[in-house]
């Protein structure tokens, strides 16, 4: 996790990040009784189901011309 802040070039001192992560790990261990270092979401992402609903206005500028044309034909 400390590496993520370095990759993103966030101006957070390394010592502060280590202290904050240590406190967070202790809190998770105490409250949920597991080690967050053992969690690997990427291993189960294929089993995850996350519903999503997207909506836009009829004349939204974020849609490409092709998508707008297809919506108009419906």
C-alpha atoms as a PDB file:
ATOM      1  CA  UNK A   1       0.000   0.000   0.000  1.00  0.00           C
ATOM      2  CA  UNK A   2       2.876   2.352   0.663  1.00  0.00           C
ATOM      3  CA  UNK A   3       4.059   1.633  -2.870  1.00  0.00           C
ATOM      4  CA  UNK A   4       0.733   2.861  -4.249  1.00  0.00           C
ATOM      5  CA  UNK A   5       1.260   6.313  -2.792  1.00  0.00           C
ATOM      6  CA  UNK A   6       4.738   6.396  -4.295  1.00  0.00           C
ATOM      7  CA  UNK A   7       3.479   5.278  -7.731  1.00  0.00           C
ATOM      8  CA  UNK A   8       0.767   7.936  -7.678  1.00  0.00           C
ATOM      9  CA  UNK A   9       3.332  10.503  -6.556  1.00  0.00           C
ATOM     10  CA  UNK A  10       1.158  11.576  -3.657  1.00  0.00           C
ATOM     11  CA  UNK A  11       2.905  14.038  -1.336  1.00  0.00           C
ATOM     12  CA  UNK A  12       2.517  11.861   1.760  1.00  0.00           C
ATOM     13  CA  UNK A  13       5.626  11.127   3.846  1.00  0.00           C
ATOM     14  CA  UNK A  14       6.544   7.425   3.861  1.00  0.00           C
ATOM     15  CA  UNK A  15       6.802   7.332   7.673  1.00  0.00           C
ATOM     16  CA  UNK A  16       3.280   8.751   8.000  1.00  0.00           C
ATOM     17  CA  UNK A  17       1.907   6.169   5.548  1.00  0.00           C
ATOM     18  CA  UNK A  18       3.534   3.299   7.430  1.00  0.00           C
ATOM     19  CA  UNK A  19       2.120   4.536  10.731  1.00  0.00           C
ATOM     20  CA  UNK A  20      -1.382   4.993   9.266  1.00  0.00           C
ATOM     21  CA  UNK A  21      -1.327   1.533   7.649  1.00  0.00           C
ATOM     22  CA  UNK A  22      -0.144  -0.044  10.877  1.00  0.00           C
ATOM     23  CA  UNK A  23      -3.017   1.557  12.780  1.00  0.00           C
ATOM     24  CA  UNK A  24      -5.500   0.467  10.122  1.00  0.00           C
ATOM     25  CA  UNK A  25      -4.234  -3.135  10.136  1.00  0.00           C
ATOM     26  CA  UNK A  26      -4.490  -3.269  13.933  1.00  0.00           C
ATOM     27  CA  UNK A  27      -8.035  -1.897  13.842  1.00  0.00           C
ATOM     28  CA  UNK A  28      -9.169  -4.410  11.206  1.00  0.00           C
ATOM     29  CA  UNK A  29      -7.530  -7.276  13.103  1.00  0.00           C
ATOM     30  CA  UNK A  30      -9.235  -6.227  16.340  1.00  0.00           C
ATOM     31  CA  UNK A  31     -12.704  -5.580  14.866  1.00  0.00           C
ATOM     32  CA  UNK A  32     -12.983  -8.187  12.100  1.00  0.00           C
ATOM     33  CA  UNK A  33     -10.448 -10.765  13.299  1.00  0.00           C
ATOM     34  CA  UNK A  34      -8.480 -11.133  10.049  1.00  0.00           C
ATOM     35  CA  UNK A  35      -5.292  -9.807   8.546  1.00  0.00           C
ATOM     36  CA  UNK A  36      -5.887  -7.440   5.618  1.00  0.00           C
ATOM     37  CA  UNK A  37      -2.597  -8.569   4.065  1.00  0.00           C
ATOM     38  CA  UNK A  38      -4.240 -11.962   3.491  1.00  0.00           C
ATOM     39  CA  UNK A  39      -7.066 -10.449   1.431  1.00  0.00           C
ATOM     40  CA  UNK A  40      -6.639 -10.598  -2.349  1.00  0.00           C
ATOM     41  CA  UNK A  41      -9.678  -9.200  -4.196  1.00  0.00           C
ATOM     42  CA  UNK A  42      -8.084  -9.893  -7.580  1.00  0.00           C
ATOM     43  CA  UNK A  43      -8.358 -13.634  -6.866  1.00  0.00           C
ATOM     44  CA  UNK A  44     -12.170 -13.506  -6.645  1.00  0.00           C
ATOM     45  CA  UNK A  45     -13.035 -10.646  -8.979  1.00  0.00           C
ATOM     46  CA  UNK A  46     -14.460 -13.130 -11.509  1.00  0.00           C
ATOM     47  CA  UNK A  47     -17.058 -14.226  -8.954  1.00  0.00           C
ATOM     48  CA  UNK A  48     -18.146 -10.690  -8.078  1.00  0.00           C
ATOM     49  CA  UNK A  49     -21.476  -9.278  -9.256  1.00  0.00           C
ATOM     50  CA  UNK A  50     -21.807  -5.533  -9.164  1.00  0.00           C
ATOM     51  CA  UNK A  51     -25.000  -4.222 -10.739  1.00  0.00           C
ATOM     52  CA  UNK A  52     -24.806  -0.836 -12.412  1.00  0.00           C
ATOM     53  CA  UNK A  53     -27.339   1.519 -13.930  1.00  0.00           C
ATOM     54  CA  UNK A  54     -26.189   4.242 -16.292  1.00  0.00           C
ATOM     55  CA  UNK A  55     -28.395   7.048 -17.497  1.00  0.00           C
ATOM     56  CA  UNK A  56     -27.971  10.100 -19.663  1.00  0.00           C
ATOM     57  CA  UNK A  57     -30.060  12.962 -20.929  1.00  0.00           C
ATOM     58  CA  UNK A  58     -31.513  12.671 -24.473  1.00  0.00           C
ATOM     59  CA  UNK A  59     -29.013  15.205 -25.853  1.00  0.00           C
ATOM     60  CA  UNK A  60     -26.026  14.296 -23.686  1.00  0.00           C
ATOM     61  CA  UNK A  61     -22.711  15.372 -25.134  1.00  0.00           C
ATOM     62  CA  UNK A  62     -20.871  12.485 -23.465  1.00  0.00           C
ATOM     63  CA  UNK A  63     -22.320   9.958 -25.905  1.00  0.00           C
ATOM     64  CA  UNK A  64     -20.703   9.345 -29.241  1.00  0.00           C
ATOM     65  CA  UNK A  65     -22.645  10.151 -32.410  1.00  0.00           C
ATOM     66  CA  UNK A  66     -23.036   6.424 -33.177  1.00  0.00           C
ATOM     67  CA  UNK A  67     -24.560   5.677 -29.770  1.00  0.00           C
ATOM     68  CA  UNK A  68     -26.919   8.647 -30.084  1.00  0.00           C
ATOM     69  CA  UNK A  69     -27.973   7.444 -33.537  1.00  0.00           C
ATOM     70  CA  UNK A  70     -28.674   3.924 -32.228  1.00  0.00           C
ATOM     71  CA  UNK A  71     -30.769   5.339 -29.371  1.00  0.00           C
ATOM     72  CA  UNK A  72     -32.715   7.475 -31.819  1.00  0.00           C
ATOM     73  CA  UNK A  73     -33.559   4.412 -33.942  1.00  0.00           C
ATOM     74  CA  UNK A  74     -35.054   2.548 -30.981  1.00  0.00           C
END
